[in-house]
């Protein structure tokens, strides 16, 4: 199954690791370090031109999505393998 992250970006549900609200970047030192490392490794992708509302972590890429984490989590819970 697939999950639409916004814009034209769709991922396989089996690739999904975690979905976070964008505010975690400011409130969690570990999360900020993880995203910084991903940016250095060039494994971060910003979806669309809109302001990011969530961070989606997959096995290989970290996405900044314009869709809220609550909406993405609802979409992800439609799949029994998550």
N, C-alpha and C. Protein backbone atom coordinates (compact mmCIF):
# COMPACT_ATOMS: atom_id res chain seq x y z
N UNK A 1 0.83 -1.18 0.00
CA UNK A 1 0.00 0.00 0.00
C UNK A 1 0.88 1.25 0.00
N UNK A 2 0.27 2.37 -0.29
CA UNK A 2 0.99 3.62 -0.42
C UNK A 2 0.38 4.72 0.45
N UNK A 3 1.21 5.71 0.79
CA UNK A 3 0.75 6.86 1.57
C UNK A 3 1.14 8.13 0.82
N UNK A 4 0.16 9.02 0.60
CA UNK A 4 0.40 10.29 -0.07
C UNK A 4 0.91 11.29 0.97
N UNK A 5 2.10 11.85 0.73
CA UNK A 5 2.71 12.79 1.68
C UNK A 5 2.48 14.25 1.33
N UNK A 6 1.88 14.51 0.18
CA UNK A 6 1.67 15.88 -0.27
C UNK A 6 2.32 16.07 -1.62
N UNK A 7 1.89 17.10 -2.32
CA UNK A 7 2.42 17.34 -3.66
C UNK A 7 2.24 16.11 -4.53
N UNK A 8 3.30 15.69 -5.15
CA UNK A 8 3.27 14.49 -5.98
C UNK A 8 4.04 13.34 -5.33
N UNK A 9 4.29 13.43 -4.03
CA UNK A 9 5.10 12.43 -3.34
C UNK A 9 4.23 11.35 -2.69
N UNK A 10 4.51 10.12 -3.06
CA UNK A 10 3.83 8.95 -2.50
C UNK A 10 4.92 7.96 -2.09
N UNK A 11 4.76 7.36 -0.91
CA UNK A 11 5.72 6.35 -0.46
C UNK A 11 5.01 5.03 -0.20
N UNK A 12 5.77 3.97 -0.22
CA UNK A 12 5.23 2.66 0.17
C UNK A 12 5.08 2.64 1.69
N UNK A 13 3.99 2.10 2.16
CA UNK A 13 3.75 2.06 3.61
C UNK A 13 4.82 1.23 4.31
N UNK A 14 5.39 0.26 3.62
CA UNK A 14 6.43 -0.58 4.22
C UNK A 14 7.73 0.19 4.46
N UNK A 15 7.91 1.35 3.81
CA UNK A 15 9.10 2.17 4.00
C UNK A 15 9.00 3.11 5.19
N UNK A 16 7.77 3.32 5.69
CA UNK A 16 7.53 4.28 6.77
C UNK A 16 8.14 3.82 8.09
N UNK A 17 8.86 4.74 8.73
CA UNK A 17 9.43 4.47 10.05
C UNK A 17 8.69 5.28 11.11
N UNK A 18 8.50 6.59 10.86
CA UNK A 18 7.84 7.44 11.86
C UNK A 18 7.28 8.70 11.21
N UNK A 19 6.28 9.28 11.88
CA UNK A 19 5.69 10.55 11.48
C UNK A 19 5.69 11.45 12.71
N UNK A 20 6.28 12.65 12.57
CA UNK A 20 6.37 13.59 13.68
C UNK A 20 5.79 14.94 13.28
N UNK A 21 5.25 15.66 14.27
CA UNK A 21 4.85 17.05 14.07
C UNK A 21 6.13 17.86 13.91
N UNK A 22 6.08 18.90 13.11
CA UNK A 22 7.26 19.72 12.83
C UNK A 22 7.84 20.35 14.10
N UNK A 23 7.01 20.54 15.11
CA UNK A 23 7.48 21.16 16.36
C UNK A 23 8.52 20.32 17.08
N UNK A 24 8.64 19.05 16.75
CA UNK A 24 9.63 18.19 17.41
C UNK A 24 11.05 18.66 17.13
N UNK A 25 11.23 19.34 16.00
CA UNK A 25 12.55 19.87 15.66
C UNK A 25 13.06 20.84 16.71
N UNK A 26 12.14 21.63 17.24
CA UNK A 26 12.54 22.64 18.23
C UNK A 26 12.57 22.09 19.65
N UNK A 27 11.79 21.06 19.92
CA UNK A 27 11.66 20.58 21.29
C UNK A 27 12.54 19.38 21.63
N UNK A 28 13.11 18.72 20.63
CA UNK A 28 13.90 17.52 20.88
C UNK A 28 15.30 17.65 20.29
N UNK A 29 16.29 17.64 21.14
CA UNK A 29 17.68 17.76 20.69
C UNK A 29 18.08 16.57 19.82
N UNK A 30 17.64 15.39 20.18
CA UNK A 30 17.98 14.18 19.42
C UNK A 30 17.36 14.22 18.03
N UNK A 31 16.11 14.66 17.96
CA UNK A 31 15.45 14.76 16.65
C UNK A 31 16.16 15.76 15.76
N UNK A 32 16.54 16.89 16.33
CA UNK A 32 17.27 17.91 15.56
C UNK A 32 18.59 17.36 15.06
N UNK A 33 19.29 16.60 15.89
CA UNK A 33 20.56 16.00 15.48
C UNK A 33 20.36 15.00 14.35
N UNK A 34 19.29 14.22 14.44
CA UNK A 34 18.99 13.23 13.40
C UNK A 34 18.74 13.93 12.06
N UNK A 35 17.91 14.97 12.07
CA UNK A 35 17.59 15.69 10.84
C UNK A 35 18.84 16.38 10.30
N UNK A 36 19.64 16.96 11.15
CA UNK A 36 20.88 17.61 10.72
C UNK A 36 21.80 16.61 10.03
N UNK A 37 21.91 15.43 10.62
CA UNK A 37 22.73 14.37 10.02
C UNK A 37 22.16 13.96 8.66
N UNK A 38 20.86 13.82 8.58
CA UNK A 38 20.21 13.45 7.31
C UNK A 38 20.46 14.53 6.25
N UNK A 39 20.44 15.80 6.65
CA UNK A 39 20.72 16.88 5.71
C UNK A 39 22.15 16.80 5.20
N UNK A 40 23.09 16.47 6.08
CA UNK A 40 24.49 16.33 5.68
C UNK A 40 24.67 15.16 4.71
N UNK A 41 23.89 14.12 4.90
CA UNK A 41 23.95 12.94 4.03
C UNK A 41 23.12 13.13 2.76
N UNK A 42 22.46 14.29 2.66
CA UNK A 42 21.60 14.64 1.52
C UNK A 42 20.44 13.65 1.35
N UNK A 43 19.85 13.26 2.48
CA UNK A 43 18.70 12.36 2.46
C UNK A 43 17.45 13.04 3.00
N UNK A 44 17.37 14.37 2.81
CA UNK A 44 16.21 15.14 3.22
C UNK A 44 15.54 15.70 1.97
N UNK A 45 14.21 15.59 1.93
CA UNK A 45 13.46 16.13 0.79
C UNK A 45 12.30 16.97 1.29
N UNK A 46 12.23 18.19 0.81
CA UNK A 46 11.13 19.10 1.13
C UNK A 46 10.07 18.93 0.05
N UNK A 47 8.84 18.65 0.45
CA UNK A 47 7.75 18.42 -0.50
C UNK A 47 7.01 19.72 -0.74
N UNK A 48 6.98 20.15 -1.98
CA UNK A 48 6.23 21.34 -2.36
C UNK A 48 6.82 22.63 -1.84
N UNK A 49 6.09 23.70 -2.08
CA UNK A 49 6.51 25.05 -1.69
C UNK A 49 5.91 25.50 -0.36
N UNK A 50 4.90 24.77 0.10
CA UNK A 50 4.21 25.16 1.34
C UNK A 50 5.08 24.91 2.56
N UNK A 51 4.73 25.58 3.64
CA UNK A 51 5.44 25.39 4.90
C UNK A 51 5.23 23.96 5.40
N UNK A 52 6.29 23.33 5.89
CA UNK A 52 6.19 21.97 6.39
C UNK A 52 5.42 21.93 7.71
N UNK A 53 4.56 20.93 7.83
CA UNK A 53 3.80 20.72 9.06
C UNK A 53 4.20 19.44 9.76
N UNK A 54 4.91 18.56 9.04
CA UNK A 54 5.31 17.30 9.65
C UNK A 54 6.63 16.81 9.05
N UNK A 55 7.26 15.91 9.78
CA UNK A 55 8.48 15.25 9.33
C UNK A 55 8.15 13.76 9.22
N UNK A 56 8.41 13.20 8.06
CA UNK A 56 8.14 11.78 7.81
C UNK A 56 9.48 11.09 7.62
N UNK A 57 9.77 10.13 8.48
CA UNK A 57 11.02 9.38 8.41
C UNK A 57 10.74 8.04 7.74
N UNK A 58 11.48 7.76 6.67
CA UNK A 58 11.39 6.46 6.01
C UNK A 58 12.74 5.76 6.17
N UNK A 59 12.85 4.58 5.63
CA UNK A 59 14.09 3.82 5.76
C UNK A 59 15.28 4.52 5.13
N UNK A 60 15.05 5.35 4.09
CA UNK A 60 16.16 5.97 3.39
C UNK A 60 16.14 7.49 3.32
N UNK A 61 14.97 8.10 3.50
CA UNK A 61 14.83 9.54 3.31
C UNK A 61 13.98 10.15 4.42
N UNK A 62 14.29 11.40 4.77
CA UNK A 62 13.47 12.19 5.69
C UNK A 62 12.74 13.23 4.85
N UNK A 63 11.41 13.24 4.93
CA UNK A 63 10.59 14.17 4.16
C UNK A 63 10.01 15.24 5.07
N UNK A 64 9.98 16.48 4.58
CA UNK A 64 9.24 17.56 5.21
C UNK A 64 7.95 17.68 4.43
N UNK A 65 6.82 17.39 5.07
CA UNK A 65 5.54 17.36 4.38
C UNK A 65 4.66 18.54 4.77
N UNK A 66 3.90 19.08 3.80
CA UNK A 66 2.97 20.16 4.11
C UNK A 66 1.67 19.66 4.73
N UNK A 67 1.53 18.36 4.88
CA UNK A 67 0.32 17.77 5.47
C UNK A 67 0.57 17.52 6.96
N UNK A 68 -0.42 17.77 7.78
CA UNK A 68 -0.25 17.64 9.23
C UNK A 68 0.07 16.20 9.62
N UNK A 69 0.78 16.06 10.72
CA UNK A 69 1.14 14.73 11.21
C UNK A 69 -0.11 13.93 11.56
N UNK A 70 -1.14 14.58 12.08
CA UNK A 70 -2.39 13.88 12.44
C UNK A 70 -3.03 13.26 11.20
N UNK A 71 -3.08 14.01 10.11
CA UNK A 71 -3.67 13.49 8.87
C UNK A 71 -2.84 12.34 8.32
N UNK A 72 -1.53 12.50 8.33
CA UNK A 72 -0.67 11.43 7.82
C UNK A 72 -0.78 10.17 8.67
N UNK A 73 -0.89 10.34 9.99
CA UNK A 73 -1.04 9.17 10.87
C UNK A 73 -2.36 8.45 10.60
N UNK A 74 -3.41 9.21 10.35
CA UNK A 74 -4.70 8.59 10.00
C UNK A 74 -4.57 7.78 8.72
N UNK A 75 -3.90 8.34 7.74
CA UNK A 75 -3.69 7.63 6.47
C UNK A 75 -2.87 6.35 6.71
N UNK A 76 -1.85 6.45 7.54
CA UNK A 76 -0.99 5.29 7.79
C UNK A 76 -1.71 4.20 8.56
N UNK A 77 -2.64 4.55 9.44
CA UNK A 77 -3.33 3.54 10.24
C UNK A 77 -4.36 2.76 9.44
N UNK A 78 -4.58 3.13 8.21
CA UNK A 78 -5.48 2.37 7.34
C UNK A 78 -4.83 1.07 6.87
N UNK A 79 -3.53 0.94 7.15
CA UNK A 79 -2.79 -0.23 6.67
C UNK A 79 -2.43 -1.13 7.85
N UNK A 80 -2.83 -2.38 7.82
CA UNK A 80 -2.60 -3.28 8.95
C UNK A 80 -1.15 -3.65 9.18
N UNK A 81 -0.26 -3.45 8.20
CA UNK A 81 1.12 -3.87 8.35
C UNK A 81 1.99 -2.84 9.05
N UNK A 82 1.42 -1.73 9.52
CA UNK A 82 2.21 -0.71 10.21
C UNK A 82 2.07 -0.82 11.70
